[in-house]
Amino acid sequence: KIKYLIIPLILILFLTLGVGCLLPPSVVTT
C-alpha cells in the first residue's frame, strides 16, 4: 500500500499496488 500522506476527515485515502503487477486502472470493469 503506497499512501499519500494526507488525513481525510473520515478515512485515509490510499492507492494499492500489487507486488509484481499493477492493479488495472478504471478499464477493469468499464
Full PDB file with SEQRES, HELIX, SHEET, SSBOND, CRYST1, ORIGX, SCALE, CONECT and MASTER records, all heavy atoms in Angstrom:
SEQRES   1 A   30  LYS ILE LYS TYR LEU ILE ILE PRO LEU ILE LEU ILE LEU          
SEQRES   2 A   30  PHE LEU THR LEU GLY VAL GLY CYS LEU LEU PRO PRO SER          
SEQRES   3 A   30  VAL VAL THR THR                                              
HELIX    1 AA1 SER A   26  VAL A   28  5                                   3    
CRYST1    1.000    1.000    1.000  90.00  90.00  90.00 P 1           1          
ORIGX1      1.000000  0.000000  0.000000        0.00000                         
ORIGX2      0.000000  1.000000  0.000000        0.00000                         
ORIGX3      0.000000  0.000000  1.000000        0.00000                         
SCALE1      1.000000  0.000000  0.000000        0.00000                         
SCALE2      0.000000  1.000000  0.000000        0.00000                         
SCALE3      0.000000  0.000000  1.000000        0.00000                         
ATOM      1  N   LYS A   1       0.845  -1.177   0.000  1.00  0.00           N  
ATOM      2  CA  LYS A   1       0.000   0.000   0.000  1.00  0.00           C  
ATOM      3  C   LYS A   1       0.887   1.234   0.000  1.00  0.00           C  
ATOM      4  O   LYS A   1       1.642   1.472   0.937  1.00  0.00           O  
ATOM      5  CB  LYS A   1      -0.920   0.013   1.215  1.00  0.00           C  
ATOM      6  CG  LYS A   1      -1.908  -1.145   1.241  1.00  0.00           C  
ATOM      7  CD  LYS A   1      -2.745  -1.112   2.502  1.00  0.00           C  
ATOM      8  CE  LYS A   1      -3.715  -2.290   2.548  1.00  0.00           C  
ATOM      9  NZ  LYS A   1      -4.478  -2.328   3.799  1.00  0.00           N  
ATOM     10  N   ILE A   2       0.823   2.008  -1.065  1.00  0.00           N  
ATOM     11  CA  ILE A   2       1.584   3.248  -1.144  1.00  0.00           C  
ATOM     12  C   ILE A   2       0.624   4.376  -0.828  1.00  0.00           C  
ATOM     13  O   ILE A   2      -0.316   4.640  -1.569  1.00  0.00           O  
ATOM     14  CB  ILE A   2       2.214   3.439  -2.523  1.00  0.00           C  
ATOM     15  CG1 ILE A   2       3.227   2.326  -2.773  1.00  0.00           C  
ATOM     16  CG2 ILE A   2       2.872   4.805  -2.620  1.00  0.00           C  
ATOM     17  CD1 ILE A   2       3.923   2.442  -4.081  1.00  0.00           C  
ATOM     18  N   LYS A   3       0.852   5.023   0.330  1.00  0.00           N  
ATOM     19  CA  LYS A   3      -0.081   6.027   0.808  1.00  0.00           C  
ATOM     20  C   LYS A   3       0.441   7.414   0.542  1.00  0.00           C  
ATOM     21  O   LYS A   3       1.578   7.743   0.828  1.00  0.00           O  
ATOM     22  CB  LYS A   3      -0.300   5.882   2.312  1.00  0.00           C  
ATOM     23  CG  LYS A   3      -1.040   4.624   2.730  1.00  0.00           C  
ATOM     24  CD  LYS A   3      -1.306   4.657   4.223  1.00  0.00           C  
ATOM     25  CE  LYS A   3      -2.072   3.424   4.672  1.00  0.00           C  
ATOM     26  NZ  LYS A   3      -2.308   3.431   6.117  1.00  0.00           N  
ATOM     27  N   TYR A   4      -0.448   8.240  -0.020  1.00  0.00           N  
ATOM     28  CA  TYR A   4      -0.204   9.665   0.059  1.00  0.00           C  
ATOM     29  C   TYR A   4      -0.556  10.069   1.481  1.00  0.00           C  
ATOM     30  O   TYR A   4      -1.502   9.565   2.072  1.00  0.00           O  
ATOM     31  CB  TYR A   4      -1.103  10.418  -0.922  1.00  0.00           C  
ATOM     32  CG  TYR A   4      -0.613  10.428  -2.337  1.00  0.00           C  
ATOM     33  CD1 TYR A   4      -1.499  10.304  -3.402  1.00  0.00           C  
ATOM     34  CD2 TYR A   4       0.728  10.607  -2.613  1.00  0.00           C  
ATOM     35  CE1 TYR A   4      -1.052  10.351  -4.708  1.00  0.00           C  
ATOM     36  CE2 TYR A   4       1.190  10.662  -3.919  1.00  0.00           C  
ATOM     37  CZ  TYR A   4       0.293  10.537  -4.953  1.00  0.00           C  
ATOM     38  OH  TYR A   4       0.744  10.596  -6.240  1.00  0.00           O  
ATOM     39  N   LEU A   5       0.188  11.026   2.023  1.00  0.00           N  
ATOM     40  CA  LEU A   5       0.188  11.211   3.463  1.00  0.00           C  
ATOM     41  C   LEU A   5      -0.697  12.365   3.912  1.00  0.00           C  
ATOM     42  O   LEU A   5      -0.286  13.236   4.656  1.00  0.00           O  
ATOM     43  CB  LEU A   5       1.614  11.432   3.934  1.00  0.00           C  
ATOM     44  CG  LEU A   5       2.551  10.299   3.501  1.00  0.00           C  
ATOM     45  CD1 LEU A   5       3.978  10.682   3.775  1.00  0.00           C  
ATOM     46  CD2 LEU A   5       2.179   9.027   4.210  1.00  0.00           C  
ATOM     47  N   ILE A   6      -1.945  12.371   3.470  1.00  0.00           N  
ATOM     48  CA  ILE A   6      -2.893  13.349   3.965  1.00  0.00           C  
ATOM     49  C   ILE A   6      -3.885  12.653   4.866  1.00  0.00           C  
ATOM     50  O   ILE A   6      -4.032  11.434   4.851  1.00  0.00           O  
ATOM     51  CB  ILE A   6      -3.640  14.067   2.823  1.00  0.00           C  
ATOM     52  CG1 ILE A   6      -4.331  13.053   1.909  1.00  0.00           C  
ATOM     53  CG2 ILE A   6      -2.696  14.937   2.035  1.00  0.00           C  
ATOM     54  CD1 ILE A   6      -5.192  13.700   0.857  1.00  0.00           C  
ATOM     55  N   ILE A   7      -4.596  13.420   5.682  1.00  0.00           N  
ATOM     56  CA  ILE A   7      -5.598  12.855   6.575  1.00  0.00           C  
ATOM     57  C   ILE A   7      -6.972  13.354   6.163  1.00  0.00           C  
ATOM     58  O   ILE A   7      -7.324  14.491   6.418  1.00  0.00           O  
ATOM     59  CB  ILE A   7      -5.360  13.267   8.030  1.00  0.00           C  
ATOM     60  CG1 ILE A   7      -3.980  12.842   8.470  1.00  0.00           C  
ATOM     61  CG2 ILE A   7      -6.402  12.654   8.941  1.00  0.00           C  
ATOM     62  CD1 ILE A   7      -3.685  13.213   9.879  1.00  0.00           C  
ATOM     63  N   PRO A   8      -7.794  12.528   5.511  1.00  0.00           N  
ATOM     64  CA  PRO A   8      -9.175  12.913   5.286  1.00  0.00           C  
ATOM     65  C   PRO A   8      -9.906  12.947   6.616  1.00  0.00           C  
ATOM     66  O   PRO A   8      -9.475  12.355   7.597  1.00  0.00           O  
ATOM     67  CB  PRO A   8      -9.723  11.812   4.375  1.00  0.00           C  
ATOM     68  CG  PRO A   8      -8.499  11.189   3.783  1.00  0.00           C  
ATOM     69  CD  PRO A   8      -7.441  11.299   4.844  1.00  0.00           C  
ATOM     70  N   LEU A   9     -11.038  13.632   6.653  1.00  0.00           N  
ATOM     71  CA  LEU A   9     -11.783  13.730   7.892  1.00  0.00           C  
ATOM     72  C   LEU A   9     -12.378  12.392   8.297  1.00  0.00           C  
ATOM     73  O   LEU A   9     -12.609  12.139   9.468  1.00  0.00           O  
ATOM     74  CB  LEU A   9     -12.903  14.775   7.746  1.00  0.00           C  
ATOM     75  CG  LEU A   9     -12.405  16.194   7.453  1.00  0.00           C  
ATOM     76  CD1 LEU A   9     -13.589  17.133   7.306  1.00  0.00           C  
ATOM     77  CD2 LEU A   9     -11.476  16.668   8.556  1.00  0.00           C  
ATOM     78  N   ILE A  10     -12.645  11.519   7.327  1.00  0.00           N  
ATOM     79  CA  ILE A  10     -13.306  10.261   7.643  1.00  0.00           C  
ATOM     80  C   ILE A  10     -12.355   9.092   7.519  1.00  0.00           C  
ATOM     81  O   ILE A  10     -12.317   8.209   8.356  1.00  0.00           O  
ATOM     82  CB  ILE A  10     -14.536  10.044   6.741  1.00  0.00           C  
ATOM     83  CG1 ILE A  10     -15.522  11.204   6.928  1.00  0.00           C  
ATOM     84  CG2 ILE A  10     -15.201   8.717   7.040  1.00  0.00           C  
ATOM     85  CD1 ILE A  10     -16.706  11.144   6.001  1.00  0.00           C  
ATOM     86  N   LEU A  11     -11.553   9.041   6.478  1.00  0.00           N  
ATOM     87  CA  LEU A  11     -10.671   7.901   6.265  1.00  0.00           C  
ATOM     88  C   LEU A  11      -9.427   8.340   5.539  1.00  0.00           C  
ATOM     89  O   LEU A  11      -9.361   9.401   4.958  1.00  0.00           O  
ATOM     90  CB  LEU A  11     -11.375   6.812   5.459  1.00  0.00           C  
ATOM     91  CG  LEU A  11     -11.545   7.069   3.950  1.00  0.00           C  
ATOM     92  CD1 LEU A  11     -11.861   5.756   3.250  1.00  0.00           C  
ATOM     93  CD2 LEU A  11     -12.671   8.048   3.700  1.00  0.00           C  
ATOM     94  N   ILE A  12      -8.397   7.489   5.612  1.00  0.00           N  
ATOM     95  CA  ILE A  12      -7.148   7.732   4.904  1.00  0.00           C  
ATOM     96  C   ILE A  12      -7.273   7.172   3.504  1.00  0.00           C  
ATOM     97  O   ILE A  12      -7.541   5.995   3.321  1.00  0.00           O  
ATOM     98  CB  ILE A  12      -5.973   7.071   5.641  1.00  0.00           C  
ATOM     99  CG1 ILE A  12      -5.815   7.693   7.026  1.00  0.00           C  
ATOM    100  CG2 ILE A  12      -4.689   7.194   4.841  1.00  0.00           C  
ATOM    101  CD1 ILE A  12      -4.817   6.971   7.888  1.00  0.00           C  
ATOM    102  N   LEU A  13      -7.104   8.023   2.506  1.00  0.00           N  
ATOM    103  CA  LEU A  13      -7.136   7.574   1.122  1.00  0.00           C  
ATOM    104  C   LEU A  13      -5.800   6.984   0.769  1.00  0.00           C  
ATOM    105  O   LEU A  13      -4.756   7.514   1.140  1.00  0.00           O  
ATOM    106  CB  LEU A  13      -7.447   8.754   0.189  1.00  0.00           C  
ATOM    107  CG  LEU A  13      -8.806   9.419   0.384  1.00  0.00           C  
ATOM    108  CD1 LEU A  13      -8.906  10.593  -0.561  1.00  0.00           C  
ATOM    109  CD2 LEU A  13      -9.926   8.449   0.147  1.00  0.00           C  
ATOM    110  N   PHE A  14      -5.793   5.869   0.047  1.00  0.00           N  
ATOM    111  CA  PHE A  14      -4.536   5.299  -0.382  1.00  0.00           C  
ATOM    112  C   PHE A  14      -4.718   4.588  -1.694  1.00  0.00           C  
ATOM    113  O   PHE A  14      -5.819   4.235  -2.090  1.00  0.00           O  
ATOM    114  CB  PHE A  14      -3.945   4.345   0.667  1.00  0.00           C  
ATOM    115  CG  PHE A  14      -4.853   3.204   1.034  1.00  0.00           C  
ATOM    116  CD1 PHE A  14      -4.865   2.041   0.293  1.00  0.00           C  
ATOM    117  CD2 PHE A  14      -5.679   3.305   2.138  1.00  0.00           C  
ATOM    118  CE1 PHE A  14      -5.691   0.996   0.637  1.00  0.00           C  
ATOM    119  CE2 PHE A  14      -6.513   2.253   2.475  1.00  0.00           C  
ATOM    120  CZ  PHE A  14      -6.514   1.097   1.738  1.00  0.00           C  
ATOM    121  N   LEU A  15      -3.598   4.381  -2.386  1.00  0.00           N  
ATOM    122  CA  LEU A  15      -3.558   3.637  -3.633  1.00  0.00           C  
ATOM    123  C   LEU A  15      -2.892   2.316  -3.367  1.00  0.00           C  
ATOM    124  O   LEU A  15      -1.895   2.246  -2.667  1.00  0.00           O  
ATOM    125  CB  LEU A  15      -2.764   4.408  -4.688  1.00  0.00           C  
ATOM    126  CG  LEU A  15      -3.368   5.750  -5.077  1.00  0.00           C  
ATOM    127  CD1 LEU A  15      -2.377   6.527  -5.921  1.00  0.00           C  
ATOM    128  CD2 LEU A  15      -4.661   5.561  -5.809  1.00  0.00           C  
ATOM    129  N   THR A  16      -3.428   1.222  -3.891  1.00  0.00           N  
ATOM    130  CA  THR A  16      -2.879  -0.093  -3.628  1.00  0.00           C  
ATOM    131  C   THR A  16      -2.201  -0.625  -4.871  1.00  0.00           C  
ATOM    132  O   THR A  16      -2.772  -0.621  -5.945  1.00  0.00           O  
ATOM    133  CB  THR A  16      -4.008  -1.065  -3.218  1.00  0.00           C  
ATOM    134  OG1 THR A  16      -4.690  -0.514  -2.104  1.00  0.00           O  
ATOM    135  CG2 THR A  16      -3.431  -2.416  -2.852  1.00  0.00           C  
ATOM    136  N   LEU A  17      -0.982  -1.101  -4.700  1.00  0.00           N  
ATOM    137  CA  LEU A  17      -0.226  -1.680  -5.798  1.00  0.00           C  
ATOM    138  C   LEU A  17       0.046  -3.135  -5.500  1.00  0.00           C  
ATOM    139  O   LEU A  17       0.463  -3.483  -4.398  1.00  0.00           O  
ATOM    140  CB  LEU A  17       1.104  -0.942  -5.974  1.00  0.00           C  
ATOM    141  CG  LEU A  17       0.996   0.549  -6.284  1.00  0.00           C  
ATOM    142  CD1 LEU A  17       2.381   1.121  -6.454  1.00  0.00           C  
ATOM    143  CD2 LEU A  17       0.182   0.774  -7.529  1.00  0.00           C  
ATOM    144  N   GLY A  18      -0.170  -4.036  -6.473  1.00  0.00           N  
ATOM    145  CA  GLY A  18       0.132  -5.438  -6.278  1.00  0.00           C  
ATOM    146  C   GLY A  18       1.602  -5.692  -6.490  1.00  0.00           C  
ATOM    147  O   GLY A  18       2.254  -5.056  -7.301  1.00  0.00           O  
ATOM    148  N   VAL A  19       2.180  -6.611  -5.720  1.00  0.00           N  
ATOM    149  CA  VAL A  19       3.578  -6.965  -5.886  1.00  0.00           C  
ATOM    150  C   VAL A  19       3.749  -7.661  -7.222  1.00  0.00           C  
ATOM    151  O   VAL A  19       3.185  -8.714  -7.463  1.00  0.00           O  
ATOM    152  CB  VAL A  19       4.036  -7.883  -4.742  1.00  0.00           C  
ATOM    153  CG1 VAL A  19       5.484  -8.295  -4.962  1.00  0.00           C  
ATOM    154  CG2 VAL A  19       3.877  -7.197  -3.394  1.00  0.00           C  
ATOM    155  N   GLY A  20       4.549  -7.083  -8.100  1.00  0.00           N  
ATOM    156  CA  GLY A  20       4.832  -7.706  -9.385  1.00  0.00           C  
ATOM    157  C   GLY A  20       3.850  -7.349 -10.476  1.00  0.00           C  
ATOM    158  O   GLY A  20       4.093  -7.621 -11.634  1.00  0.00           O  
ATOM    159  N   CYS A  21       2.705  -6.753 -10.109  1.00  0.00           N  
ATOM    160  CA  CYS A  21       1.756  -6.360 -11.156  1.00  0.00           C  
ATOM    161  C   CYS A  21       0.917  -5.209 -10.649  1.00  0.00           C  
ATOM    162  O   CYS A  21       0.421  -5.248  -9.546  1.00  0.00           O  
ATOM    163  CB  CYS A  21       0.855  -7.526 -11.562  1.00  0.00           C  
ATOM    164  SG  CYS A  21      -0.148  -8.191 -10.238  1.00  0.00           S  
ATOM    165  N   LEU A  22       0.762  -4.202 -11.485  1.00  0.00           N  
ATOM    166  CA  LEU A  22      -0.097  -3.088 -11.125  1.00  0.00           C  
ATOM    167  C   LEU A  22      -1.546  -3.508 -11.197  1.00  0.00           C  
ATOM    168  O   LEU A  22      -1.954  -4.207 -12.107  1.00  0.00           O  
ATOM    169  CB  LEU A  22       0.128  -1.922 -12.092  1.00  0.00           C  
ATOM    170  CG  LEU A  22       1.378  -1.071 -11.860  1.00  0.00           C  
ATOM    171  CD1 LEU A  22       1.511  -0.095 -13.009  1.00  0.00           C  
ATOM    172  CD2 LEU A  22       1.259  -0.335 -10.555  1.00  0.00           C  
ATOM    173  N   LEU A  23      -2.332  -3.077 -10.217  1.00  0.00           N  
ATOM    174  CA  LEU A  23      -3.760  -3.280 -10.341  1.00  0.00           C  
ATOM    175  C   LEU A  23      -4.259  -2.519 -11.552  1.00  0.00           C  
ATOM    176  O   LEU A  23      -3.791  -1.424 -11.836  1.00  0.00           O  
ATOM    177  CB  LEU A  23      -4.477  -2.776  -9.080  1.00  0.00           C  
ATOM    178  CG  LEU A  23      -4.241  -3.591  -7.814  1.00  0.00           C  
ATOM    179  CD1 LEU A  23      -4.996  -2.946  -6.662  1.00  0.00           C  
ATOM    180  CD2 LEU A  23      -4.713  -5.024  -7.994  1.00  0.00           C  
ATOM    181  N   PRO A  24      -5.212  -3.055 -12.304  1.00  0.00           N  
ATOM    182  CA  PRO A  24      -5.672  -2.395 -13.520  1.00  0.00           C  
ATOM    183  C   PRO A  24      -6.359  -1.085 -13.216  1.00  0.00           C  
ATOM    184  O   PRO A  24      -6.916  -0.912 -12.133  1.00  0.00           O  
ATOM    185  CB  PRO A  24      -6.660  -3.407 -14.122  1.00  0.00           C  
ATOM    186  CG  PRO A  24      -7.069  -4.265 -12.984  1.00  0.00           C  
ATOM    187  CD  PRO A  24      -5.902  -4.336 -12.066  1.00  0.00           C  
ATOM    188  N   PRO A  25      -6.309  -0.123 -14.158  1.00  0.00           N  
ATOM    189  CA  PRO A  25      -6.983   1.148 -13.963  1.00  0.00           C  
ATOM    190  C   PRO A  25      -8.479   1.000 -14.135  1.00  0.00           C  
ATOM    191  O   PRO A  25      -9.036  -0.075 -14.056  1.00  0.00           O  
ATOM    192  CB  PRO A  25      -6.364   2.031 -15.051  1.00  0.00           C  
ATOM    193  CG  PRO A  25      -5.963   1.071 -16.115  1.00  0.00           C  
ATOM    194  CD  PRO A  25      -5.567  -0.186 -15.407  1.00  0.00           C  
ATOM    195  N   SER A  26      -9.147   2.133 -14.417  1.00  0.00           N  
ATOM    196  CA  SER A  26     -10.601   2.133 -14.447  1.00  0.00           C  
ATOM    197  C   SER A  26     -11.184   1.261 -15.541  1.00  0.00           C  
ATOM    198  O   SER A  26     -12.376   1.031 -15.562  1.00  0.00           O  
ATOM    199  CB  SER A  26     -11.109   3.572 -14.628  1.00  0.00           C  
ATOM    200  OG  SER A  26     -10.604   4.117 -15.828  1.00  0.00           O  
ATOM    201  N   VAL A  27     -10.344   0.739 -16.439  1.00  0.00           N  
ATOM    202  CA  VAL A  27     -10.870  -0.079 -17.517  1.00  0.00           C  
ATOM    203  C   VAL A  27     -11.139  -1.512 -17.071  1.00  0.00           C  
ATOM    204  O   VAL A  27     -11.469  -2.350 -17.879  1.00  0.00           O  
ATOM    205  CB  VAL A  27      -9.900  -0.105 -18.718  1.00  0.00           C  
ATOM    206  CG1 VAL A  27      -9.756   1.274 -19.303  1.00  0.00           C  
ATOM    207  CG2 VAL A  27      -8.535  -0.652 -18.320  1.00  0.00           C  
ATOM    208  N   VAL A  28     -10.999  -1.800 -15.796  1.00  0.00           N  
ATOM    209  CA  VAL A  28     -11.208  -3.167 -15.314  1.00  0.00           C  
ATOM    210  C   VAL A  28     -12.625  -3.642 -15.607  1.00  0.00           C  
ATOM    211  O   VAL A  28     -12.842  -4.728 -16.107  1.00  0.00           O  
ATOM    212  CB  VAL A  28     -10.949  -3.228 -13.788  1.00  0.00           C  
ATOM    213  CG1 VAL A  28     -11.312  -4.609 -13.263  1.00  0.00           C  
ATOM    214  CG2 VAL A  28      -9.509  -2.930 -13.479  1.00  0.00           C  
ATOM    215  N   THR A  29     -13.586  -2.813 -15.291  1.00  0.00           N  
ATOM    216  CA  THR A  29     -14.970  -3.251 -15.465  1.00  0.00           C  
ATOM    217  C   THR A  29     -15.738  -2.400 -16.460  1.00  0.00           C  
ATOM    218  O   THR A  29     -16.791  -2.820 -16.926  1.00  0.00           O  
ATOM    219  CB  THR A  29     -15.717  -3.215 -14.132  1.00  0.00           C  
ATOM    220  OG1 THR A  29     -15.631  -1.898 -13.579  1.00  0.00           O  
ATOM    221  CG2 THR A  29     -15.105  -4.194 -13.139  1.00  0.00           C  
ATOM    222  N   THR A  30     -15.243  -1.218 -16.759  1.00  0.00           N  
ATOM    223  CA  THR A  30     -15.954  -0.343 -17.695  1.00  0.00           C  
ATOM    224  C   THR A  30     -14.953   0.317 -18.618  1.00  0.00           C  
ATOM    225  O   THR A  30     -13.794   0.507 -18.261  1.00  0.00           O  
ATOM    226  CB  THR A  30     -16.738   0.763 -16.956  1.00  0.00           C  
ATOM    227  OG1 THR A  30     -15.822   1.529 -16.181  1.00  0.00           O  
ATOM    228  CG2 THR A  30     -17.808   0.178 -16.065  1.00  0.00           C  
TER     229      THR A  30                                                      
MASTER        0    0    0    1    0    0    0    6  228    1    0    3          
END                                                                             
